[in-house]
Amino acid sequence: MSRNLPRSGARRIVTRVGVGLAAVGLLAACTSNTPEESEEETDGGQQNAASSNDEPGENVVIGFSGPQADHGWLAAINTFAEQAAEQYSDVELRMAEGTNDPSTQISHIETFINDGVDAIVLLPTDGAALTQVATQAMEAGIPVVNVDREFSDDAAARTTILGDNYGMGVSAGEYACQLVAENNLGDDAVIAEIAGIDSLPLTQERSQGFADALEACGQDVDNRVAAEFTVESGEEAASNLLQAANEIDIIWNHDDDQGVGVKAAFDNAGRDEFFFIGGAGSANAMRWIQSGEMEATVIYPATQAGDGIKLARLIAQDRGLSDLVQVEVPRRIVLDAPVVTAENVEEYLPMGFES
């Protein structure tokens, strides 16, 4: 819900430091390690590929394993992985059935090792629990791309690609500070936070980033509740928050999947006096932004596995990113956490996931 107050000036889009590969197609713009040669159009009238990294190379088999797609963000992870593989005639993607059981996921990786795949892209149910089997894959000469949830040993992955949880909180907090300034909310602005599962490091990192950014502009979190990344828990937590605070200026909800329930609680209570900021980047949230029911959402890229597939392909084909001086694929990539508002929502909507 977007608070009905005047807003002045263009909004500043806040991102964190990192390699900005937020869109699954961005890696296509990277070139190979050899100088690009000028070629005439083929007899069929088709243009060359956008970059020589897109040109077919050695055929590779990539195994992908991730958690069960029990909410929108994880479903989108799988979708972007499949879409990335479909872009290349030289990639065969083998998708293991999603599971939330670390033992089952370990067996999937062992199968990939026994099958001799060329690379593995792994979003672990539990980073520590999957570290040993990922290390076994690496020792067998199969490069592993670790997505989103880190292993406990860097040697377990050739490349790690991550969202920026702390940066996500900072982006939300800096945007909240901007709203305070633009709308003259003053030093006593009432700011609330609806977190995810408090026991998870990712939630703690998001909350810390939010608090640090607010502190920089003299604000803090006045009311905080935690949900569990589900619609039901989001509605319950938001209802409790509204009962505890008669008036709120800004609310940041960590997760757009639970945000469906959060917004239902707002609607049921008839409360819309606050600026509503979301998190993760669902299509639902972006449509609410378009209709004026929500102020903004902070992206936590569901494209990570798609980017992982693209990186795994280059690693397996012994290719790198020659847009960098270093010719090898980087060992660690942290994606940006941009803020989506009414000004740029059209750009991000195609990457939004359905909650």
Protein backbone atom coordinates (compact mmCIF):
# COMPACT_ATOMS: atom_id res chain seq x y z
CA MET A 1 0.00 0.00 0.00
CA SER A 2 1.41 3.37 -0.94
CA ARG A 3 0.77 6.09 1.58
CA ASN A 4 -1.30 8.88 0.09
CA LEU A 5 1.14 11.74 0.66
CA PRO A 6 2.89 13.99 -1.88
CA ARG A 7 6.23 12.74 -3.06
CA SER A 8 8.75 15.08 -4.57
CA GLY A 9 11.46 14.41 -7.09
CA ALA A 10 12.65 11.27 -8.79
CA ARG A 11 13.40 8.39 -6.46
CA ARG A 12 16.99 7.29 -6.17
CA ILE A 13 17.53 3.64 -7.02
CA VAL A 14 19.74 2.14 -4.32
CA THR A 15 22.00 -0.84 -5.04
CA ARG A 16 24.76 -2.53 -3.10
CA VAL A 17 28.32 -3.19 -4.19
CA GLY A 18 28.62 -6.39 -6.21
CA VAL A 19 28.63 -7.81 -9.69
CA GLY A 20 25.25 -6.86 -11.16
CA LEU A 21 24.02 -10.01 -12.88
CA ALA A 22 20.44 -9.59 -11.72
CA ALA A 23 18.91 -10.53 -15.06
CA VAL A 24 19.35 -14.07 -16.29
CA GLY A 25 20.30 -12.78 -19.74
CA LEU A 26 23.11 -10.47 -18.73
CA LEU A 27 25.88 -13.02 -19.03
CA ALA A 28 25.04 -13.34 -22.70
CA ALA A 29 26.65 -9.95 -23.22
CA CYS A 30 30.07 -11.21 -22.09
CA THR A 31 32.63 -12.06 -24.73
CA SER A 32 34.96 -15.02 -25.05
CA ASN A 33 38.69 -15.03 -24.44
CA THR A 34 39.54 -14.55 -28.11
CA PRO A 35 39.23 -11.30 -30.06
CA GLU A 36 35.94 -10.97 -31.86
CA GLU A 37 36.23 -11.41 -35.64
CA SER A 38 34.09 -9.54 -38.11
CA GLU A 39 32.06 -11.89 -40.27
CA GLU A 40 29.56 -11.33 -43.02
CA GLU A 41 25.97 -12.34 -42.64
CA THR A 42 25.42 -16.04 -43.41
CA ASP A 43 23.72 -17.23 -46.59
CA GLY A 44 20.60 -17.82 -44.54
CA GLY A 45 20.48 -14.13 -43.70
CA GLN A 46 21.00 -14.69 -39.96
CA GLN A 47 23.15 -12.37 -37.89
CA ASN A 48 25.98 -13.59 -35.68
CA ALA A 49 25.25 -14.33 -32.02
CA ALA A 50 25.22 -11.36 -29.64
CA SER A 51 28.62 -12.49 -28.34
CA SER A 52 30.98 -15.35 -29.04
CA ASN A 53 30.13 -16.79 -25.61
CA ASP A 54 26.69 -17.45 -27.06
CA GLU A 55 28.08 -19.41 -29.97
CA PRO A 56 27.81 -23.20 -29.58
CA GLY A 57 30.79 -24.83 -27.95
CA GLU A 58 31.55 -28.28 -26.65
CA ASN A 59 28.40 -30.17 -25.59
CA VAL A 60 28.09 -30.23 -21.81
CA VAL A 61 25.78 -31.93 -19.32
CA ILE A 62 24.86 -29.84 -16.28
CA GLY A 63 23.14 -31.30 -13.24
CA PHE A 64 20.91 -29.01 -11.21
CA SER A 65 19.58 -29.63 -7.70
CA GLY A 66 17.62 -27.30 -5.44
CA PRO A 67 15.08 -27.32 -2.62
CA GLN A 68 11.43 -28.16 -3.14
CA ALA A 69 9.64 -25.32 -4.90
CA ASP A 70 7.19 -24.77 -2.06
CA HIS A 71 6.85 -21.04 -2.60
CA GLY A 72 7.09 -18.58 -5.46
CA TRP A 73 10.74 -17.58 -5.18
CA LEU A 74 12.01 -21.17 -5.25
CA ALA A 75 9.69 -22.04 -8.13
CA ALA A 76 11.18 -19.14 -10.06
CA ILE A 77 14.70 -20.40 -9.27
CA ASN A 78 13.86 -23.62 -11.15
CA THR A 79 12.17 -21.78 -14.00
CA PHE A 80 15.12 -19.45 -14.60
CA ALA A 81 17.52 -22.41 -14.52
CA GLU A 82 15.52 -24.20 -17.20
CA GLN A 83 15.15 -21.09 -19.31
CA ALA A 84 18.88 -20.41 -19.20
CA ALA A 85 19.70 -23.96 -20.34
CA GLU A 86 17.16 -23.78 -23.16
CA GLN A 87 19.08 -20.87 -24.68
CA TYR A 88 21.96 -23.15 -25.63
CA SER A 89 22.02 -26.06 -28.05
CA ASP A 90 25.23 -27.30 -26.38
CA VAL A 91 23.68 -27.73 -22.91
CA GLU A 92 21.84 -30.78 -21.61
CA LEU A 93 20.25 -29.94 -18.26
CA ARG A 94 19.45 -32.72 -15.81
CA MET A 95 17.08 -31.46 -13.11
CA ALA A 96 16.89 -33.42 -9.88
CA GLU A 97 13.53 -33.39 -8.15
CA GLY A 98 13.39 -30.61 -5.60
CA THR A 99 13.64 -31.66 -1.98
CA ASN A 100 13.93 -30.12 1.47
CA ASP A 101 15.68 -33.23 2.83
CA PRO A 102 19.48 -32.82 2.82
CA SER A 103 20.01 -36.61 2.67
CA THR A 104 17.90 -36.88 -0.48
CA GLN A 105 19.72 -33.97 -2.06
CA ILE A 106 23.06 -35.57 -1.24
CA SER A 107 21.92 -38.69 -3.10
CA HIS A 108 21.05 -36.52 -6.11
CA ILE A 109 24.56 -35.09 -6.19
CA GLU A 110 26.07 -38.56 -5.80
CA THR A 111 24.04 -39.63 -8.84
CA PHE A 112 25.39 -36.69 -10.84
CA ILE A 113 28.94 -37.66 -9.83
CA ASN A 114 28.40 -41.30 -10.84
CA ASP A 115 26.88 -40.17 -14.15
CA GLY A 116 29.95 -38.05 -14.84
CA VAL A 117 28.15 -34.79 -15.60
CA ASP A 118 30.33 -31.90 -16.73
CA ALA A 119 29.19 -29.44 -14.06
CA ILE A 120 26.76 -29.19 -11.15
CA VAL A 121 24.67 -26.18 -10.12
CA LEU A 122 23.53 -26.61 -6.54
CA LEU A 123 21.20 -24.55 -4.36
CA PRO A 124 21.58 -26.57 -1.14
CA THR A 125 18.78 -27.16 1.32
CA ASP A 126 21.50 -26.71 3.94
CA GLY A 127 24.90 -25.37 2.91
CA ALA A 128 26.85 -27.12 5.65
CA ALA A 129 25.12 -30.46 5.11
CA LEU A 130 25.88 -30.45 1.36
CA THR A 131 29.50 -29.33 1.68
CA GLN A 132 31.01 -32.81 1.83
CA VAL A 133 29.26 -34.17 -1.25
CA ALA A 134 30.00 -30.99 -3.19
CA THR A 135 33.66 -31.41 -2.25
CA GLN A 136 33.50 -34.98 -3.57
CA ALA A 137 32.22 -33.65 -6.89
CA MET A 138 35.03 -31.11 -7.06
CA GLU A 139 37.61 -33.81 -6.26
CA ALA A 140 36.13 -35.91 -9.06
CA GLY A 141 36.87 -33.07 -11.48
CA ILE A 142 33.26 -31.83 -11.72
CA PRO A 143 33.03 -28.07 -11.12
CA VAL A 144 30.27 -27.04 -8.71
CA VAL A 145 28.45 -23.71 -8.82
CA ASN A 146 27.08 -22.96 -5.35
CA VAL A 147 23.88 -20.87 -5.46
CA ASP A 148 22.39 -18.70 -2.69
CA ARG A 149 23.16 -20.80 0.41
CA GLU A 150 26.89 -21.07 0.99
CA PHE A 151 28.86 -24.22 1.73
CA SER A 152 30.91 -24.28 4.92
CA ASP A 153 34.14 -24.72 2.91
CA ASP A 154 35.09 -22.51 -0.04
CA ALA A 155 36.85 -25.49 -1.65
CA ALA A 156 33.47 -27.19 -2.17
CA ALA A 157 32.63 -24.88 -5.09
CA ARG A 158 34.38 -23.60 -8.18
CA THR A 159 32.12 -20.53 -8.16
CA THR A 160 29.60 -19.17 -5.67
CA ILE A 161 26.76 -16.87 -6.73
CA LEU A 162 24.77 -15.15 -4.03
CA GLY A 163 22.06 -12.62 -3.35
CA ASP A 164 22.99 -9.83 -0.97
CA ASN A 165 20.88 -10.20 2.18
CA TYR A 166 22.64 -7.47 4.14
CA GLY A 167 22.56 -5.23 1.09
CA MET A 168 18.86 -5.94 0.69
CA GLY A 169 18.27 -4.55 4.18
CA VAL A 170 20.48 -1.56 3.45
CA SER A 171 18.57 -0.83 0.23
CA ALA A 172 15.25 -1.00 2.09
CA GLY A 173 16.57 1.19 4.90
CA GLU A 174 18.07 3.80 2.61
CA TYR A 175 14.85 3.98 0.66
CA ALA A 176 12.91 4.38 3.91
CA CYS A 177 15.25 7.25 4.85
CA GLN A 178 14.52 8.82 1.49
CA LEU A 179 10.78 8.58 2.13
CA VAL A 180 11.23 10.20 5.55
CA ALA A 181 13.06 13.13 3.98
CA GLU A 182 10.77 13.55 0.97
CA ASN A 183 7.61 13.49 3.04
CA ASN A 184 8.82 15.44 6.09
CA LEU A 185 8.08 12.56 8.45
CA GLY A 186 10.54 13.93 10.99
CA ASP A 187 12.87 12.35 13.50
CA ASP A 188 10.01 10.49 15.16
CA ALA A 189 8.80 8.62 12.06
CA VAL A 190 7.24 5.30 13.03
CA ILE A 191 9.01 2.53 11.10
CA ALA A 192 8.00 -1.13 11.33
CA GLU A 193 9.60 -4.34 10.08
CA ILE A 194 8.04 -7.69 9.21
CA ALA A 195 10.95 -10.12 9.10
CA GLY A 196 11.20 -13.70 7.92
CA ILE A 197 12.34 -16.62 10.08
CA ASP A 198 14.43 -15.04 12.82
CA SER A 199 16.66 -18.06 13.36
CA LEU A 200 18.02 -17.90 9.79
CA PRO A 201 21.24 -15.96 9.13
CA LEU A 202 19.67 -14.43 6.01
CA THR A 203 16.93 -12.83 8.12
CA GLN A 204 19.46 -11.58 10.65
CA GLU A 205 21.57 -10.07 7.86
CA ARG A 206 18.56 -8.34 6.30
CA SER A 207 17.48 -6.89 9.64
CA GLN A 208 21.02 -5.73 10.43
CA GLY A 209 21.33 -3.98 7.08
CA PHE A 210 17.95 -2.29 7.59
CA ALA A 211 18.87 -1.12 11.08
CA ASP A 212 22.29 0.16 9.97
CA ALA A 213 20.80 2.17 7.09
CA LEU A 214 18.11 3.67 9.31
CA GLU A 215 20.67 4.64 11.94
CA ALA A 216 22.57 6.59 9.30
CA CYS A 217 19.57 8.93 8.90
CA GLY A 218 18.68 9.09 12.57
CA GLN A 219 15.84 6.55 12.45
CA ASP A 220 15.26 3.14 13.96
CA VAL A 221 12.78 0.26 13.93
CA ASP A 222 9.91 1.05 16.30
CA ASN A 223 7.89 -2.14 15.84
CA ARG A 224 9.15 -5.51 14.63
CA VAL A 225 7.46 -8.88 14.10
CA ALA A 226 8.65 -12.06 12.38
CA ALA A 227 6.83 -14.40 10.01
CA GLU A 228 7.90 -17.65 8.30
CA PHE A 229 7.96 -16.84 4.57
CA THR A 230 4.41 -18.16 4.13
CA VAL A 231 1.15 -16.39 3.31
CA GLU A 232 -0.49 -17.57 6.52
CA SER A 233 2.36 -16.49 8.79
CA GLY A 234 2.62 -13.16 6.97
CA GLU A 235 -1.05 -12.39 7.60
CA GLU A 236 -0.80 -13.36 11.27
CA ALA A 237 2.37 -11.35 11.88
CA ALA A 238 1.01 -8.29 10.09
CA SER A 239 -2.25 -8.46 12.04
CA ASN A 240 -0.29 -8.54 15.31
CA LEU A 241 1.77 -5.57 14.15
CA LEU A 242 -1.27 -3.48 13.28
CA GLN A 243 -2.88 -4.23 16.62
CA ALA A 244 0.28 -3.13 18.44
CA ALA A 245 0.72 0.15 16.54
CA ASN A 246 -2.16 2.54 15.95
CA GLU A 247 -0.26 4.51 13.34
CA ILE A 248 2.76 3.59 11.22
CA ASP A 249 4.66 5.65 8.65
CA ILE A 250 6.72 2.98 6.85
CA ILE A 251 6.65 -0.84 6.85
CA TRP A 252 9.32 -3.07 5.35
CA ASN A 253 8.30 -6.68 4.76
CA HIS A 254 11.29 -8.95 4.05
CA ASP A 255 9.57 -11.37 1.68
CA ASP A 256 6.98 -10.87 -1.06
CA ASP A 257 5.70 -14.45 -0.77
CA GLN A 258 4.65 -13.84 2.83
CA GLY A 259 3.69 -10.37 1.61
CA VAL A 260 0.50 -11.80 0.10
CA GLY A 261 -0.69 -12.50 3.63
CA VAL A 262 0.75 -9.22 4.90
CA LYS A 263 -1.26 -7.24 2.38
CA ALA A 264 -4.39 -9.26 3.18
CA ALA A 265 -4.00 -8.19 6.82
CA PHE A 266 -3.65 -4.57 5.75
CA ASP A 267 -6.78 -4.81 3.60
CA ASN A 268 -8.79 -6.57 6.29
CA ALA A 269 -7.86 -3.91 8.83
CA GLY A 270 -8.52 -1.05 6.42
CA ARG A 271 -5.05 0.35 7.13
CA ASP A 272 -3.23 2.26 4.39
CA GLU A 273 -1.63 5.22 6.16
CA PHE A 274 1.89 3.90 5.63
CA PHE A 275 4.41 3.39 2.85
CA PHE A 276 4.62 -0.36 2.17
CA ILE A 277 8.02 -1.69 1.01
CA GLY A 278 8.44 -5.34 0.08
CA GLY A 279 11.30 -7.71 -0.51
CA ALA A 280 12.43 -10.33 -3.09
CA GLY A 281 10.69 -8.96 -6.19
CA SER A 282 7.49 -10.89 -6.89
CA ALA A 283 5.29 -10.08 -9.85
CA ASN A 284 2.43 -9.64 -7.39
CA ALA A 285 4.34 -6.90 -5.58
CA MET A 286 5.26 -5.20 -8.84
CA ARG A 287 1.63 -5.14 -9.95
CA TRP A 288 0.72 -3.58 -6.59
CA ILE A 289 3.39 -0.95 -7.27
CA GLN A 290 1.83 -0.27 -10.67
CA SER A 291 -1.62 0.16 -9.13
CA GLY A 292 -0.37 2.39 -6.31
CA GLU A 293 -1.06 -0.15 -3.55
CA MET A 294 2.61 -0.58 -2.69
CA GLU A 295 5.53 1.83 -2.61
CA ALA A 296 8.46 -0.39 -3.60
CA THR A 297 10.09 -3.79 -3.34
CA VAL A 298 13.77 -4.72 -3.00
CA ILE A 299 15.04 -7.39 -5.37
CA TYR A 300 16.53 -10.64 -4.08
CA PRO A 301 17.24 -12.23 -7.46
CA ALA A 302 15.41 -15.43 -8.37
CA THR A 303 17.67 -15.41 -11.42
CA GLN A 304 20.60 -16.80 -9.39
CA ALA A 305 20.26 -20.36 -10.66
CA GLY A 306 19.87 -19.14 -14.24
CA ASP A 307 23.09 -17.19 -13.88
CA GLY A 308 24.58 -20.31 -12.29
CA ILE A 309 23.69 -22.40 -15.36
CA LYS A 310 25.34 -19.85 -17.63
CA LEU A 311 28.48 -19.77 -15.50
CA ALA A 312 28.59 -23.58 -15.25
CA ARG A 313 28.42 -23.82 -19.05
CA LEU A 314 31.38 -21.46 -19.47
CA ILE A 315 33.42 -23.24 -16.79
CA ALA A 316 32.73 -26.69 -18.26
CA GLN A 317 33.70 -25.43 -21.72
CA ASP A 318 36.86 -23.85 -20.29
CA ARG A 319 35.70 -20.40 -21.26
CA GLY A 320 35.79 -17.23 -19.20
CA LEU A 321 34.46 -13.70 -19.09
CA SER A 322 36.88 -11.66 -21.14
CA ASP A 323 35.02 -8.46 -20.37
CA LEU A 324 37.11 -8.81 -17.23
CA VAL A 325 40.90 -8.58 -17.30
CA GLN A 326 40.91 -11.89 -15.42
CA VAL A 327 40.05 -14.50 -18.06
CA GLU A 328 38.58 -17.06 -15.67
CA VAL A 329 35.01 -17.06 -14.38
CA PRO A 330 35.13 -15.33 -10.95
CA ARG A 331 35.04 -17.53 -7.86
CA ARG A 332 32.44 -15.38 -6.11
CA ILE A 333 29.65 -13.18 -7.43
CA VAL A 334 27.27 -11.16 -5.27
CA LEU A 335 24.17 -9.85 -7.02
CA ASP A 336 22.76 -6.39 -6.51
CA ALA A 337 19.70 -5.56 -4.39
CA PRO A 338 18.01 -2.79 -6.40
CA VAL A 339 14.84 -1.00 -5.33
CA VAL A 340 11.87 -1.33 -7.69
CA THR A 341 9.48 1.62 -7.72
CA ALA A 342 6.79 2.98 -10.03
CA GLU A 343 9.57 4.64 -12.05
CA ASN A 344 11.37 1.42 -13.03
CA VAL A 345 8.85 -1.38 -12.43
CA GLU A 346 8.39 -2.06 -16.14
CA GLU A 347 12.08 -2.96 -16.39
CA TYR A 348 11.90 -5.53 -13.59
CA LEU A 349 8.42 -6.98 -14.06
CA PRO A 350 9.54 -9.64 -16.60
CA MET A 351 11.80 -11.11 -13.89
CA GLY A 352 9.12 -11.08 -11.21
CA PHE A 353 7.91 -14.39 -9.83
CA GLU A 354 4.34 -15.34 -8.95
CA SER A 355 3.73 -15.79 -5.23
